[in-house]
Amino acid sequence: SNGTDWSPDGKLMYYVDSMTRRIDCFDYDALSGAVSGRRTFVAIELQD
């Protein structure tokens, strides 16, 4: 488990599980603190 942060409008949460070599993105419900709709934001293709 690694990097976490939110978009300026608070509607998206970014999250990293380093071993996936991806930054993922969730829809974020600020009121409840729930996350949903996990998808790949960007895949890291730099070797090593």
All heavy atoms as atom14 arrays in JSON, in Angstrom:
{
  "sequence": "SNGTDWSPDGKLMYYVDSMTRRIDCFDYDALSGAVSGRRTFVAIELQD",
  "atom14_mask": [
    [1, 1, 1, 1, 1, 1, 0, 0, 0, 0, 0, 0, 0, 0],
    [1, 1, 1, 1, 1, 1, 1, 1, 0, 0, 0, 0, 0, 0],
    [1, 1, 1, 1, 0, 0, 0, 0, 0, 0, 0, 0, 0, 0],
    [1, 1, 1, 1, 1, 1, 1, 0, 0, 0, 0, 0, 0, 0],
    [1, 1, 1, 1, 1, 1, 1, 1, 0, 0, 0, 0, 0, 0],
    [1, 1, 1, 1, 1, 1, 1, 1, 1, 1, 1, 1, 1, 1],
    [1, 1, 1, 1, 1, 1, 0, 0, 0, 0, 0, 0, 0, 0],
    [1, 1, 1, 1, 1, 1, 1, 0, 0, 0, 0, 0, 0, 0],
    [1, 1, 1, 1, 1, 1, 1, 1, 0, 0, 0, 0, 0, 0],
    [1, 1, 1, 1, 0, 0, 0, 0, 0, 0, 0, 0, 0, 0],
    [1, 1, 1, 1, 1, 1, 1, 1, 1, 0, 0, 0, 0, 0],
    [1, 1, 1, 1, 1, 1, 1, 1, 0, 0, 0, 0, 0, 0],
    [1, 1, 1, 1, 1, 1, 1, 1, 0, 0, 0, 0, 0, 0],
    [1, 1, 1, 1, 1, 1, 1, 1, 1, 1, 1, 1, 0, 0],
    [1, 1, 1, 1, 1, 1, 1, 1, 1, 1, 1, 1, 0, 0],
    [1, 1, 1, 1, 1, 1, 1, 0, 0, 0, 0, 0, 0, 0],
    [1, 1, 1, 1, 1, 1, 1, 1, 0, 0, 0, 0, 0, 0],
    [1, 1, 1, 1, 1, 1, 0, 0, 0, 0, 0, 0, 0, 0],
    [1, 1, 1, 1, 1, 1, 1, 1, 0, 0, 0, 0, 0, 0],
    [1, 1, 1, 1, 1, 1, 1, 0, 0, 0, 0, 0, 0, 0],
    [1, 1, 1, 1, 1, 1, 1, 1, 1, 1, 1, 0, 0, 0],
    [1, 1, 1, 1, 1, 1, 1, 1, 1, 1, 1, 0, 0, 0],
    [1, 1, 1, 1, 1, 1, 1, 1, 0, 0, 0, 0, 0, 0],
    [1, 1, 1, 1, 1, 1, 1, 1, 0, 0, 0, 0, 0, 0],
    [1, 1, 1, 1, 1, 1, 0, 0, 0, 0, 0, 0, 0, 0],
    [1, 1, 1, 1, 1, 1, 1, 1, 1, 1, 1, 0, 0, 0],
    [1, 1, 1, 1, 1, 1, 1, 1, 0, 0, 0, 0, 0, 0],
    [1, 1, 1, 1, 1, 1, 1, 1, 1, 1, 1, 1, 0, 0],
    [1, 1, 1, 1, 1, 1, 1, 1, 0, 0, 0, 0, 0, 0],
    [1, 1, 1, 1, 1, 0, 0, 0, 0, 0, 0, 0, 0, 0],
    [1, 1, 1, 1, 1, 1, 1, 1, 0, 0, 0, 0, 0, 0],
    [1, 1, 1, 1, 1, 1, 0, 0, 0, 0, 0, 0, 0, 0],
    [1, 1, 1, 1, 0, 0, 0, 0, 0, 0, 0, 0, 0, 0],
    [1, 1, 1, 1, 1, 0, 0, 0, 0, 0, 0, 0, 0, 0],
    [1, 1, 1, 1, 1, 1, 1, 0, 0, 0, 0, 0, 0, 0],
    [1, 1, 1, 1, 1, 1, 0, 0, 0, 0, 0, 0, 0, 0],
    [1, 1, 1, 1, 0, 0, 0, 0, 0, 0, 0, 0, 0, 0],
    [1, 1, 1, 1, 1, 1, 1, 1, 1, 1, 1, 0, 0, 0],
    [1, 1, 1, 1, 1, 1, 1, 1, 1, 1, 1, 0, 0, 0],
    [1, 1, 1, 1, 1, 1, 1, 0, 0, 0, 0, 0, 0, 0],
    [1, 1, 1, 1, 1, 1, 1, 1, 1, 1, 1, 0, 0, 0],
    [1, 1, 1, 1, 1, 1, 1, 0, 0, 0, 0, 0, 0, 0],
    [1, 1, 1, 1, 1, 0, 0, 0, 0, 0, 0, 0, 0, 0],
    [1, 1, 1, 1, 1, 1, 1, 1, 0, 0, 0, 0, 0, 0],
    [1, 1, 1, 1, 1, 1, 1, 1, 1, 0, 0, 0, 0, 0],
    [1, 1, 1, 1, 1, 1, 1, 1, 0, 0, 0, 0, 0, 0],
    [1, 1, 1, 1, 1, 1, 1, 1, 1, 0, 0, 0, 0, 0],
    [1, 1, 1, 1, 1, 1, 1, 1, 0, 0, 0, 0, 0, 0]
  ],
  "atom14_positions": [
    [[0.83, -1.2, 0.0], [0.0, 0.0, 0.0], [0.87, 1.25, 0.0], [1.79, 1.38, 0.79], [-0.91, 0.0, 1.23], [-1.88, 1.02, 1.15], [0.0, 0.0, 0.0], [0.0, 0.0, 0.0], [0.0, 0.0, 0.0], [0.0, 0.0, 0.0], [0.0, 0.0, 0.0], [0.0, 0.0, 0.0], [0.0, 0.0, 0.0], [0.0, 0.0, 0.0]],
    [[0.54, 2.19, -0.9], [1.38, 3.38, -1.03], [0.54, 4.62, -1.32], [-0.51, 4.81, -0.74], [2.48, 3.15, -2.06], [3.83, 2.93, -1.4], [4.23, 3.68, -0.51], [4.55, 1.9, -1.82], [0.0, 0.0, 0.0], [0.0, 0.0, 0.0], [0.0, 0.0, 0.0], [0.0, 0.0, 0.0], [0.0, 0.0, 0.0], [0.0, 0.0, 0.0]],
    [[1.02, 5.47, -2.24], [0.5, 6.81, -2.42], [-1.01, 6.96, -2.48], [-1.7, 6.2, -3.17], [0.0, 0.0, 0.0], [0.0, 0.0, 0.0], [0.0, 0.0, 0.0], [0.0, 0.0, 0.0], [0.0, 0.0, 0.0], [0.0, 0.0, 0.0], [0.0, 0.0, 0.0], [0.0, 0.0, 0.0], [0.0, 0.0, 0.0], [0.0, 0.0, 0.0]],
    [[-1.51, 7.97, -1.77], [-2.93, 8.28, -1.74], [-3.12, 9.79, -1.78], [-2.39, 10.52, -1.11], [-3.59, 7.75, -0.45], [-3.31, 6.37, -0.29], [-5.1, 7.96, -0.48], [0.0, 0.0, 0.0], [0.0, 0.0, 0.0], [0.0, 0.0, 0.0], [0.0, 0.0, 0.0], [0.0, 0.0, 0.0], [0.0, 0.0, 0.0], [0.0, 0.0, 0.0]],
    [[-4.08, 10.26, -2.56], [-4.47, 11.67, -2.53], [-5.77, 11.84, -3.3], [-6.24, 10.89, -3.95], [-3.37, 12.58, -3.1], [-3.38, 13.97, -2.45], [-4.36, 14.31, -1.76], [-2.4, 14.72, -2.64], [0.0, 0.0, 0.0], [0.0, 0.0, 0.0], [0.0, 0.0, 0.0], [0.0, 0.0, 0.0], [0.0, 0.0, 0.0], [0.0, 0.0, 0.0]],
    [[-6.31, 13.06, -3.23], [-7.62, 13.34, -3.82], [-7.54, 14.46, -4.85], [-6.67, 15.34, -4.77], [-8.6, 13.73, -2.72], [-8.95, 12.59, -1.81], [-10.04, 11.78, -1.89], [-8.18, 12.08, -0.71], [-10.01, 10.81, -0.92], [-8.87, 10.97, -0.18], [-6.97, 12.46, -0.13], [-8.41, 10.25, 0.91], [-6.49, 11.74, 0.94], [-7.2, 10.64, 1.46]],
    [[-8.45, 14.42, -5.81], [-8.54, 15.5, -6.81], [-8.98, 16.78, -6.11], [-9.61, 16.74, -5.05], [-9.52, 15.12, -7.91], [-10.82, 14.89, -7.38], [0.0, 0.0, 0.0], [0.0, 0.0, 0.0], [0.0, 0.0, 0.0], [0.0, 0.0, 0.0], [0.0, 0.0, 0.0], [0.0, 0.0, 0.0], [0.0, 0.0, 0.0], [0.0, 0.0, 0.0]],
    [[-8.68, 17.95, -6.7], [-9.06, 19.21, -6.05], [-10.55, 19.33, -5.75], [-10.93, 19.97, -4.76], [-8.6, 20.26, -7.06], [-7.44, 19.63, -7.76], [-7.83, 18.18, -7.88], [0.0, 0.0, 0.0], [0.0, 0.0, 0.0], [0.0, 0.0, 0.0], [0.0, 0.0, 0.0], [0.0, 0.0, 0.0], [0.0, 0.0, 0.0], [0.0, 0.0, 0.0]],
    [[-11.41, 18.73, -6.57], [-12.85, 18.81, -6.31], [-13.33, 17.75, -5.34], [-14.52, 17.7, -4.98], [-13.65, 18.74, -7.61], [-13.48, 17.42, -8.36], [-12.85, 16.48, -7.81], [-13.95, 17.33, -9.51], [0.0, 0.0, 0.0], [0.0, 0.0, 0.0], [0.0, 0.0, 0.0], [0.0, 0.0, 0.0], [0.0, 0.0, 0.0], [0.0, 0.0, 0.0]],
    [[-12.42, 16.88, -4.88], [-12.77, 15.87, -3.9], [-13.58, 14.7, -4.42], [-14.03, 13.86, -3.63], [0.0, 0.0, 0.0], [0.0, 0.0, 0.0], [0.0, 0.0, 0.0], [0.0, 0.0, 0.0], [0.0, 0.0, 0.0], [0.0, 0.0, 0.0], [0.0, 0.0, 0.0], [0.0, 0.0, 0.0], [0.0, 0.0, 0.0], [0.0, 0.0, 0.0]],
    [[-13.73, 14.59, -5.73], [-14.58, 13.53, -6.28], [-13.82, 12.26, -6.65], [-14.42, 11.21, -6.87], [-15.32, 14.06, -7.52], [-16.32, 15.16, -7.2], [-17.04, 15.63, -8.45], [-18.07, 16.71, -8.12], [-18.8, 17.17, -9.33], [0.0, 0.0, 0.0], [0.0, 0.0, 0.0], [0.0, 0.0, 0.0], [0.0, 0.0, 0.0], [0.0, 0.0, 0.0]],
    [[-12.49, 12.36, -6.72], [-11.66, 11.22, -7.08], [-10.61, 10.97, -6.02], [-10.07, 11.91, -5.44], [-10.96, 11.45, -8.42], [-11.83, 11.69, -9.65], [-10.96, 12.03, -10.85], [-12.71, 10.48, -9.95], [0.0, 0.0, 0.0], [0.0, 0.0, 0.0], [0.0, 0.0, 0.0], [0.0, 0.0, 0.0], [0.0, 0.0, 0.0], [0.0, 0.0, 0.0]],
    [[-10.31, 9.7, -5.77], [-9.2, 9.34, -4.92], [-8.21, 8.52, -5.74], [-8.59, 7.57, -6.43], [-9.65, 8.5, -3.72], [-8.5, 8.2, -2.75], [-9.0, 7.24, -1.28], [-9.07, 5.6, -2.0], [0.0, 0.0, 0.0], [0.0, 0.0, 0.0], [0.0, 0.0, 0.0], [0.0, 0.0, 0.0], [0.0, 0.0, 0.0], [0.0, 0.0, 0.0]],
    [[-6.94, 8.91, -5.68], [-5.87, 8.17, -6.35], [-5.18, 7.28, -5.32], [-5.04, 7.65, -4.15], [-4.85, 9.14, -6.96], [-5.46, 10.06, -7.99], [-5.85, 11.35, -7.65], [-5.67, 9.63, -9.3], [-6.41, 12.2, -8.6], [-6.25, 10.46, -10.24], [-6.62, 11.75, -9.88], [-7.19, 12.58, -10.81], [0.0, 0.0, 0.0], [0.0, 0.0, 0.0]],
    [[-4.76, 6.1, -5.76], [-4.19, 5.13, -4.83], [-3.19, 4.23, -5.55], [-3.39, 3.86, -6.72], [-5.3, 4.27, -4.22], [-4.79, 3.13, -3.36], [-4.22, 3.39, -2.11], [-4.88, 1.81, -3.79], [-3.76, 2.35, -1.32], [-4.42, 0.77, -3.0], [-3.86, 1.05, -1.76], [-3.38, 0.03, -0.99], [0.0, 0.0, 0.0], [0.0, 0.0, 0.0]],
    [[-2.12, 3.88, -4.85], [-1.07, 3.03, -5.4], [-0.9, 1.77, -4.56], [-0.74, 1.85, -3.34], [0.28, 3.79, -5.46], [1.43, 2.82, -5.73], [0.24, 4.88, -6.5], [0.0, 0.0, 0.0], [0.0, 0.0, 0.0], [0.0, 0.0, 0.0], [0.0, 0.0, 0.0], [0.0, 0.0, 0.0], [0.0, 0.0, 0.0], [0.0, 0.0, 0.0]],
    [[-0.97, 0.61, -5.19], [-0.41, -0.63, -4.66], [0.81, -0.87, -5.54], [0.68, -1.25, -6.71], [-1.42, -1.78, -4.78], [-0.87, -3.1, -4.25], [0.36, -3.2, -4.02], [-1.65, -4.06, -4.08], [0.0, 0.0, 0.0], [0.0, 0.0, 0.0], [0.0, 0.0, 0.0], [0.0, 0.0, 0.0], [0.0, 0.0, 0.0], [0.0, 0.0, 0.0]],
    [[2.0, -0.62, -5.0], [3.2, -0.54, -5.84], [3.44, -1.75, -6.71], [3.94, -1.64, -7.83], [4.43, -0.29, -4.95], [4.38, 1.0, -4.38], [0.0, 0.0, 0.0], [0.0, 0.0, 0.0], [0.0, 0.0, 0.0], [0.0, 0.0, 0.0], [0.0, 0.0, 0.0], [0.0, 0.0, 0.0], [0.0, 0.0, 0.0], [0.0, 0.0, 0.0]],
    [[3.11, -2.93, -6.2], [3.4, -4.15, -6.95], [2.55, -4.28, -8.22], [2.89, -5.06, -9.11], [3.22, -5.37, -6.06], [4.19, -5.44, -4.9], [5.96, -5.43, -5.38], [6.4, -3.71, -5.09], [0.0, 0.0, 0.0], [0.0, 0.0, 0.0], [0.0, 0.0, 0.0], [0.0, 0.0, 0.0], [0.0, 0.0, 0.0], [0.0, 0.0, 0.0]],
    [[1.48, -3.53, -8.33], [0.68, -3.55, -9.56], [1.3, -2.69, -10.65], [0.91, -2.77, -11.8], [-0.74, -3.03, -9.3], [-0.69, -1.64, -8.99], [-1.41, -3.8, -8.16], [0.0, 0.0, 0.0], [0.0, 0.0, 0.0], [0.0, 0.0, 0.0], [0.0, 0.0, 0.0], [0.0, 0.0, 0.0], [0.0, 0.0, 0.0], [0.0, 0.0, 0.0]],
    [[2.26, -1.8, -10.23], [2.9, -0.83, -11.12], [1.87, 0.08, -11.79], [2.0, 0.47, -12.94], [3.77, -1.54, -12.17], [4.87, -2.42, -11.55], [5.82, -2.93, -12.61], [6.63, -1.85, -13.14], [7.32, -1.94, -14.27], [7.26, -3.04, -15.01], [8.05, -0.92, -14.7], [0.0, 0.0, 0.0], [0.0, 0.0, 0.0], [0.0, 0.0, 0.0]],
    [[0.83, 0.43, -11.01], [-0.22, 1.31, -11.5], [-0.54, 2.38, -10.47], [-0.35, 2.17, -9.27], [-1.53, 0.56, -11.76], [-1.51, -0.57, -12.72], [-2.94, -1.03, -13.02], [-3.76, -1.21, -11.83], [-4.0, -2.38, -11.25], [-3.46, -3.49, -11.73], [-4.77, -2.46, -10.17], [0.0, 0.0, 0.0], [0.0, 0.0, 0.0], [0.0, 0.0, 0.0]],
    [[-1.05, 3.51, -10.96], [-1.81, 4.43, -10.12], [-3.27, 4.16, -10.45], [-3.67, 4.22, -11.61], [-1.48, 5.9, -10.42], [0.01, 6.18, -10.24], [-2.31, 6.83, -9.53], [0.42, 7.57, -10.7], [0.0, 0.0, 0.0], [0.0, 0.0, 0.0], [0.0, 0.0, 0.0], [0.0, 0.0, 0.0], [0.0, 0.0, 0.0], [0.0, 0.0, 0.0]],
    [[-4.05, 3.81, -9.44], [-5.47, 3.57, -9.65], [-6.29, 4.78, -9.23], [-5.82, 5.65, -8.5], [-5.92, 2.33, -8.87], [-5.44, 1.03, -9.51], [-5.02, 1.07, -10.68], [-5.47, -0.01, -8.83], [0.0, 0.0, 0.0], [0.0, 0.0, 0.0], [0.0, 0.0, 0.0], [0.0, 0.0, 0.0], [0.0, 0.0, 0.0], [0.0, 0.0, 0.0]],
    [[-7.53, 4.8, -9.66], [-8.43, 5.9, -9.38], [-9.77, 5.34, -8.91], [-10.25, 4.33, -9.45], [-8.61, 6.74, -10.65], [-9.61, 8.2, -10.44], [0.0, 0.0, 0.0], [0.0, 0.0, 0.0], [0.0, 0.0, 0.0], [0.0, 0.0, 0.0], [0.0, 0.0, 0.0], [0.0, 0.0, 0.0], [0.0, 0.0, 0.0], [0.0, 0.0, 0.0]],
    [[-10.37, 5.98, -7.91], [-11.68, 5.61, -7.4], [-12.62, 6.81, -7.47], [-12.18, 7.96, -7.33], [-11.61, 5.19, -5.93], [-10.84, 3.94, -5.64], [-9.46, 3.96, -5.52], [-11.5, 2.73, -5.47], [-8.74, 2.8, -5.22], [-10.8, 1.56, -5.18], [-9.42, 1.6, -5.06], [0.0, 0.0, 0.0], [0.0, 0.0, 0.0], [0.0, 0.0, 0.0]],
    [[-13.9, 6.56, -7.6], [-14.89, 7.58, -7.32], [-14.99, 7.7, -5.8], [-15.0, 6.68, -5.09], [-16.25, 7.2, -7.91], [-16.21, 7.12, -9.43], [-15.67, 8.05, -10.05], [-16.71, 6.12, -9.97], [0.0, 0.0, 0.0], [0.0, 0.0, 0.0], [0.0, 0.0, 0.0], [0.0, 0.0, 0.0], [0.0, 0.0, 0.0], [0.0, 0.0, 0.0]],
    [[-15.03, 8.93, -5.3], [-14.97, 9.15, -3.87], [-16.2, 9.89, -3.38], [-16.57, 10.95, -3.92], [-13.72, 9.95, -3.51], [-13.51, 10.13, -2.04], [-13.18, 9.04, -1.24], [-13.65, 11.37, -1.43], [-13.0, 9.18, 0.12], [-13.46, 11.52, -0.07], [-13.14, 10.41, 0.7], [-12.96, 10.56, 2.05], [0.0, 0.0, 0.0], [0.0, 0.0, 0.0]],
    [[-16.86, 9.35, -2.37], [-18.01, 9.98, -1.74], [-17.52, 10.66, -0.46], [-17.27, 10.0, 0.55], [-19.08, 8.94, -1.41], [-20.36, 9.55, -0.88], [-20.28, 10.47, -0.04], [-21.45, 9.11, -1.29], [0.0, 0.0, 0.0], [0.0, 0.0, 0.0], [0.0, 0.0, 0.0], [0.0, 0.0, 0.0], [0.0, 0.0, 0.0], [0.0, 0.0, 0.0]],
    [[-17.38, 11.98, -0.52], [-16.81, 12.71, 0.6], [-17.66, 12.61, 1.86], [-17.13, 12.59, 2.98], [-16.61, 14.17, 0.23], [0.0, 0.0, 0.0], [0.0, 0.0, 0.0], [0.0, 0.0, 0.0], [0.0, 0.0, 0.0], [0.0, 0.0, 0.0], [0.0, 0.0, 0.0], [0.0, 0.0, 0.0], [0.0, 0.0, 0.0], [0.0, 0.0, 0.0]],
    [[-18.97, 12.54, 1.7], [-19.85, 12.51, 2.86], [-19.7, 11.22, 3.65], [-19.55, 11.23, 4.88], [-21.3, 12.7, 2.42], [-22.34, 12.75, 3.55], [-22.07, 13.95, 4.45], [-23.75, 12.83, 2.96], [0.0, 0.0, 0.0], [0.0, 0.0, 0.0], [0.0, 0.0, 0.0], [0.0, 0.0, 0.0], [0.0, 0.0, 0.0], [0.0, 0.0, 0.0]],
    [[-19.71, 10.1, 2.96], [-19.66, 8.81, 3.64], [-18.24, 8.25, 3.76], [-17.98, 7.37, 4.57], [-20.52, 7.79, 2.88], [-19.96, 7.51, 1.6], [0.0, 0.0, 0.0], [0.0, 0.0, 0.0], [0.0, 0.0, 0.0], [0.0, 0.0, 0.0], [0.0, 0.0, 0.0], [0.0, 0.0, 0.0], [0.0, 0.0, 0.0], [0.0, 0.0, 0.0]],
    [[-17.33, 8.74, 2.92], [-15.98, 8.18, 2.9], [-15.88, 6.87, 2.15], [-14.91, 6.13, 2.29], [0.0, 0.0, 0.0], [0.0, 0.0, 0.0], [0.0, 0.0, 0.0], [0.0, 0.0, 0.0], [0.0, 0.0, 0.0], [0.0, 0.0, 0.0], [0.0, 0.0, 0.0], [0.0, 0.0, 0.0], [0.0, 0.0, 0.0], [0.0, 0.0, 0.0]],
    [[-16.89, 6.6, 1.29], [-16.89, 5.36, 0.5], [-16.13, 5.56, -0.81], [-16.1, 6.66, -1.37], [-18.32, 4.93, 0.21], [0.0, 0.0, 0.0], [0.0, 0.0, 0.0], [0.0, 0.0, 0.0], [0.0, 0.0, 0.0], [0.0, 0.0, 0.0], [0.0, 0.0, 0.0], [0.0, 0.0, 0.0], [0.0, 0.0, 0.0], [0.0, 0.0, 0.0]],
    [[-15.52, 4.48, -1.29], [-14.85, 4.5, -2.59], [-15.49, 3.43, -3.48], [-15.96, 2.41, -3.0], [-13.33, 4.25, -2.46], [-12.65, 5.41, -1.78], [-13.05, 2.95, -1.71], [0.0, 0.0, 0.0], [0.0, 0.0, 0.0], [0.0, 0.0, 0.0], [0.0, 0.0, 0.0], [0.0, 0.0, 0.0], [0.0, 0.0, 0.0], [0.0, 0.0, 0.0]],
    [[-15.49, 3.69, -4.8], [-16.1, 2.75, -5.74], [-15.49, 2.97, -7.12], [-14.79, 3.95, -7.36], [-17.61, 2.94, -5.8], [-17.93, 4.26, -6.24], [0.0, 0.0, 0.0], [0.0, 0.0, 0.0], [0.0, 0.0, 0.0], [0.0, 0.0, 0.0], [0.0, 0.0, 0.0], [0.0, 0.0, 0.0], [0.0, 0.0, 0.0], [0.0, 0.0, 0.0]],
    [[-15.78, 2.04, -8.01], [-15.38, 2.19, -9.41], [-13.89, 2.19, -9.64], [-13.38, 2.97, -10.45], [0.0, 0.0, 0.0], [0.0, 0.0, 0.0], [0.0, 0.0, 0.0], [0.0, 0.0, 0.0], [0.0, 0.0, 0.0], [0.0, 0.0, 0.0], [0.0, 0.0, 0.0], [0.0, 0.0, 0.0], [0.0, 0.0, 0.0], [0.0, 0.0, 0.0]],
    [[-13.16, 1.31, -8.96], [-11.71, 1.28, -9.14], [-11.34, 1.01, -10.59], [-11.88, 0.12, -11.22], [-11.1, 0.2, -8.24], [-9.58, 0.15, -8.28], [-9.05, -0.86, -7.28], [-7.59, -0.83, -7.18], [-6.89, -1.51, -6.28], [-7.52, -2.27, -5.38], [-5.56, -1.42, -6.26], [0.0, 0.0, 0.0], [0.0, 0.0, 0.0], [0.0, 0.0, 0.0]],
    [[-10.4, 1.83, -11.11], [-9.9, 1.63, -12.46], [-8.46, 2.14, -12.55], [-8.0, 2.88, -11.68], [-10.75, 2.33, -13.5], [-10.81, 3.85, -13.44], [-12.06, 4.31, -12.78], [-12.3, 5.75, -12.84], [-13.09, 6.39, -12.0], [-13.71, 5.73, -11.03], [-13.29, 7.69, -12.12], [0.0, 0.0, 0.0], [0.0, 0.0, 0.0], [0.0, 0.0, 0.0]],
    [[-7.76, 1.74, -13.6], [-6.38, 2.17, -13.8], [-6.36, 3.61, -14.29], [-7.0, 3.95, -15.29], [-5.67, 1.28, -14.82], [-5.63, -0.07, -14.32], [-4.26, 1.77, -15.09], [0.0, 0.0, 0.0], [0.0, 0.0, 0.0], [0.0, 0.0, 0.0], [0.0, 0.0, 0.0], [0.0, 0.0, 0.0], [0.0, 0.0, 0.0], [0.0, 0.0, 0.0]],
    [[-5.64, 4.47, -13.56], [-5.42, 5.84, -14.02], [-4.24, 5.87, -14.97], [-4.33, 6.4, -16.07], [-5.18, 6.76, -12.82], [-4.76, 8.15, -13.21], [-5.65, 9.01, -13.82], [-3.46, 8.59, -12.97], [-5.26, 10.3, -14.19], [-3.05, 9.86, -13.32], [-3.95, 10.72, -13.94], [0.0, 0.0, 0.0], [0.0, 0.0, 0.0], [0.0, 0.0, 0.0]],
    [[-3.11, 5.29, -14.57], [-1.95, 5.2, -15.44], [-1.11, 4.0, -15.03], [-1.0, 3.69, -13.84], [-1.11, 6.5, -15.4], [-0.44, 6.68, -14.06], [-0.06, 6.52, -16.51], [0.0, 0.0, 0.0], [0.0, 0.0, 0.0], [0.0, 0.0, 0.0], [0.0, 0.0, 0.0], [0.0, 0.0, 0.0], [0.0, 0.0, 0.0], [0.0, 0.0, 0.0]],
    [[-0.58, 3.3, -16.01], [0.35, 2.2, -15.77], [1.77, 2.71, -15.96], [2.05, 3.44, -16.92], [0.06, 1.05, -16.72], [0.0, 0.0, 0.0], [0.0, 0.0, 0.0], [0.0, 0.0, 0.0], [0.0, 0.0, 0.0], [0.0, 0.0, 0.0], [0.0, 0.0, 0.0], [0.0, 0.0, 0.0], [0.0, 0.0, 0.0], [0.0, 0.0, 0.0]],
    [[2.66, 2.33, -15.05], [4.05, 2.77, -15.12], [4.83, 1.76, -15.95], [4.95, 0.58, -15.58], [4.67, 2.9, -13.72], [3.85, 3.87, -12.87], [6.13, 3.33, -13.82], [3.76, 5.27, -13.41], [0.0, 0.0, 0.0], [0.0, 0.0, 0.0], [0.0, 0.0, 0.0], [0.0, 0.0, 0.0], [0.0, 0.0, 0.0], [0.0, 0.0, 0.0]],
    [[5.38, 2.22, -17.06], [6.07, 1.32, -17.98], [7.58, 1.51, -17.97], [8.28, 0.86, -18.74], [5.52, 1.54, -19.4], [4.03, 1.21, -19.49], [3.44, 1.51, -20.86], [4.15, 2.14, -21.68], [2.29, 1.1, -21.11], [0.0, 0.0, 0.0], [0.0, 0.0, 0.0], [0.0, 0.0, 0.0], [0.0, 0.0, 0.0], [0.0, 0.0, 0.0]],
    [[8.09, 2.38, -17.09], [9.53, 2.58, -17.0], [10.16, 1.34, -16.38], [9.76, 0.89, -15.3], [9.84, 3.81, -16.15], [11.3, 4.22, -16.02], [11.86, 4.63, -17.37], [11.44, 5.38, -15.02], [0.0, 0.0, 0.0], [0.0, 0.0, 0.0], [0.0, 0.0, 0.0], [0.0, 0.0, 0.0], [0.0, 0.0, 0.0], [0.0, 0.0, 0.0]],
    [[11.13, 0.75, -17.07], [11.74, -0.5, -16.63], [12.34, -0.36, -15.23], [12.98, 0.64, -14.9], [12.83, -0.93, -17.62], [13.4, -2.31, -17.32], [14.38, -2.75, -18.4], [14.67, -2.02, -19.34], [14.91, -3.96, -18.27], [0.0, 0.0, 0.0], [0.0, 0.0, 0.0], [0.0, 0.0, 0.0], [0.0, 0.0, 0.0], [0.0, 0.0, 0.0]],
    [[12.11, -1.36, -14.38], [12.65, -1.46, -13.02], [12.08, -0.42, -12.06], [12.6, -0.26, -10.95], [14.18, -1.35, -13.03], [14.84, -2.46, -13.84], [14.31, -3.59, -13.82], [15.87, -2.19, -14.49], [0.0, 0.0, 0.0], [0.0, 0.0, 0.0], [0.0, 0.0, 0.0], [0.0, 0.0, 0.0], [0.0, 0.0, 0.0], [0.0, 0.0, 0.0]]
  ]
}
